[in-house]
C-alpha atoms as a PDB file:
ATOM      1  CA  UNK A   1       1.150 -21.636  77.242  1.00  0.00           C
ATOM      2  CA  UNK A   2      -1.608 -21.036  79.819  1.00  0.00           C
ATOM      3  CA  UNK A   3      -4.513 -21.769  77.485  1.00  0.00           C
ATOM      4  CA  UNK A   4      -4.599 -25.571  77.984  1.00  0.00           C
ATOM      5  CA  UNK A   5      -4.735 -25.097  81.773  1.00  0.00           C
ATOM      6  CA  UNK A   6      -7.503 -22.479  81.714  1.00  0.00           C
ATOM      7  CA  UNK A   7      -9.713 -24.455  79.257  1.00  0.00           C
ATOM      8  CA  UNK A   8     -11.572 -21.507  77.647  1.00  0.00           C
ATOM      9  CA  UNK A   9     -14.835 -22.072  75.782  1.00  0.00           C
ATOM     10  CA  UNK A  10     -13.736 -19.753  72.967  1.00  0.00           C
ATOM     11  CA  UNK A  11     -10.665 -17.670  72.121  1.00  0.00           C
ATOM     12  CA  UNK A  12     -10.818 -14.188  70.610  1.00  0.00           C
ATOM     13  CA  UNK A  13      -7.570 -13.456  68.802  1.00  0.00           C
ATOM     14  CA  UNK A  14      -6.796 -10.034  67.371  1.00  0.00           C
ATOM     15  CA  UNK A  15      -5.188 -10.256  63.946  1.00  0.00           C
ATOM     16  CA  UNK A  16      -3.036  -7.202  64.706  1.00  0.00           C
ATOM     17  CA  UNK A  17      -1.335  -8.277  67.955  1.00  0.00           C
ATOM     18  CA  UNK A  18       2.339  -7.401  68.322  1.00  0.00           C
ATOM     19  CA  UNK A  19       4.656 -10.366  68.025  1.00  0.00           C
ATOM     20  CA  UNK A  20       2.394 -13.327  67.266  1.00  0.00           C
ATOM     21  CA  UNK A  21      -0.742 -12.258  65.377  1.00  0.00           C
ATOM     22  CA  UNK A  22      -4.142 -13.928  65.647  1.00  0.00           C
ATOM     23  CA  UNK A  23      -3.592 -16.075  62.564  1.00  0.00           C
ATOM     24  CA  UNK A  24      -0.340 -17.429  64.006  1.00  0.00           C
ATOM     25  CA  UNK A  25      -1.882 -17.994  67.436  1.00  0.00           C
ATOM     26  CA  UNK A  26      -4.802 -19.872  65.899  1.00  0.00           C
ATOM     27  CA  UNK A  27      -2.491 -22.113  63.856  1.00  0.00           C
ATOM     28  CA  UNK A  28      -0.430 -22.865  66.967  1.00  0.00           C
ATOM     29  CA  UNK A  29      -3.547 -23.754  68.944  1.00  0.00           C
ATOM     30  CA  UNK A  30      -4.713 -26.095  66.168  1.00  0.00           C
ATOM     31  CA  UNK A  31      -1.408 -28.002  66.241  1.00  0.00           C
ATOM     32  CA  UNK A  32      -1.783 -28.798  69.967  1.00  0.00           C
ATOM     33  CA  UNK A  33      -4.240 -31.634  70.708  1.00  0.00           C
ATOM     34  CA  UNK A  34      -5.058 -30.001  74.062  1.00  0.00           C
ATOM     35  CA  UNK A  35      -6.360 -26.836  72.351  1.00  0.00           C
ATOM     36  CA  UNK A  36      -7.258 -27.940  68.810  1.00  0.00           C
ATOM     37  CA  UNK A  37     -10.973 -28.231  69.682  1.00  0.00           C
ATOM     38  CA  UNK A  38     -11.349 -24.686  71.075  1.00  0.00           C
ATOM     39  CA  UNK A  39     -13.164 -22.303  68.706  1.00  0.00           C
ATOM     40  CA  UNK A  40     -10.971 -19.357  67.656  1.00  0.00           C
ATOM     41  CA  UNK A  41     -12.635 -16.173  66.428  1.00  0.00           C
ATOM     42  CA  UNK A  42     -10.345 -13.673  64.731  1.00  0.00           C
ATOM     43  CA  UNK A  43     -10.920 -10.007  65.592  1.00  0.00           C
ATOM     44  CA  UNK A  44     -10.398  -7.549  62.747  1.00  0.00           C
ATOM     45  CA  UNK A  45     -10.013  -3.803  62.847  1.00  0.00           C
ATOM     46  CA  UNK A  46     -12.913  -1.856  61.339  1.00  0.00           C
ATOM     47  CA  UNK A  47     -10.903  -0.994  58.205  1.00  0.00           C
ATOM     48  CA  UNK A  48      -9.068  -4.327  58.008  1.00  0.00           C
ATOM     49  CA  UNK A  49      -9.963  -7.086  55.568  1.00  0.00           C
ATOM     50  CA  UNK A  50      -9.815 -10.737  56.511  1.00  0.00           C
ATOM     51  CA  UNK A  51      -6.945 -12.621  54.909  1.00  0.00           C
ATOM     52  CA  UNK A  52      -9.130 -15.557  53.900  1.00  0.00           C
ATOM     53  CA  UNK A  53      -6.192 -17.742  52.907  1.00  0.00           C
ATOM     54  CA  UNK A  54      -4.415 -17.296  56.231  1.00  0.00           C
ATOM     55  CA  UNK A  55      -7.670 -17.761  58.173  1.00  0.00           C
ATOM     56  CA  UNK A  56      -8.420 -20.985  56.294  1.00  0.00           C
ATOM     57  CA  UNK A  57      -4.851 -22.224  56.707  1.00  0.00           C
ATOM     58  CA  UNK A  58      -4.971 -21.473  60.458  1.00  0.00           C
ATOM     59  CA  UNK A  59      -8.405 -23.166  60.630  1.00  0.00           C
ATOM     60  CA  UNK A  60     -10.062 -20.209  62.353  1.00  0.00           C
ATOM     61  CA  UNK A  61     -13.645 -20.814  63.421  1.00  0.00           C
ATOM     62  CA  UNK A  62     -14.795 -17.400  62.260  1.00  0.00           C
ATOM     63  CA  UNK A  63     -14.113 -13.686  62.385  1.00  0.00           C
ATOM     64  CA  UNK A  64     -15.746 -10.482  63.583  1.00  0.00           C
ATOM     65  CA  UNK A  65     -14.947  -6.808  63.010  1.00  0.00           C
ATOM     66  CA  UNK A  66     -14.272  -4.387  65.855  1.00  0.00           C
ATOM     67  CA  UNK A  67     -16.029  -2.650  67.352  1.00  0.00           C
ATOM     68  CA  UNK A  68     -18.604  -5.383  67.666  1.00  0.00           C
ATOM     69  CA  UNK A  69     -21.922  -5.825  69.346  1.00  0.00           C
ATOM     70  CA  UNK A  70     -21.766  -8.383  72.145  1.00  0.00           C
ATOM     71  CA  UNK A  71     -24.900 -10.117  70.878  1.00  0.00           C
ATOM     72  CA  UNK A  72     -23.293 -10.527  67.444  1.00  0.00           C
ATOM     73  CA  UNK A  73     -20.398 -12.279  69.081  1.00  0.00           C
ATOM     74  CA  UNK A  74     -22.703 -14.590  71.031  1.00  0.00           C
ATOM     75  CA  UNK A  75     -24.628 -15.429  67.863  1.00  0.00           C
END
């Protein structure tokens, strides 16, 4: 995985990615000590509801609906 080498300040993970979804990616990042500290914000489609149980289990930092205002993301 390239994430530990690039050392991002935050990760935006779409919950509807093909293959590994954002919940799964977040959980994987939390299991790795090199990435466990990086905030992960889940991106949801406009008509999609957050699966609160999966988000809590994955230890996501937060979530935001698309399309989103950049300032909302910064806040």
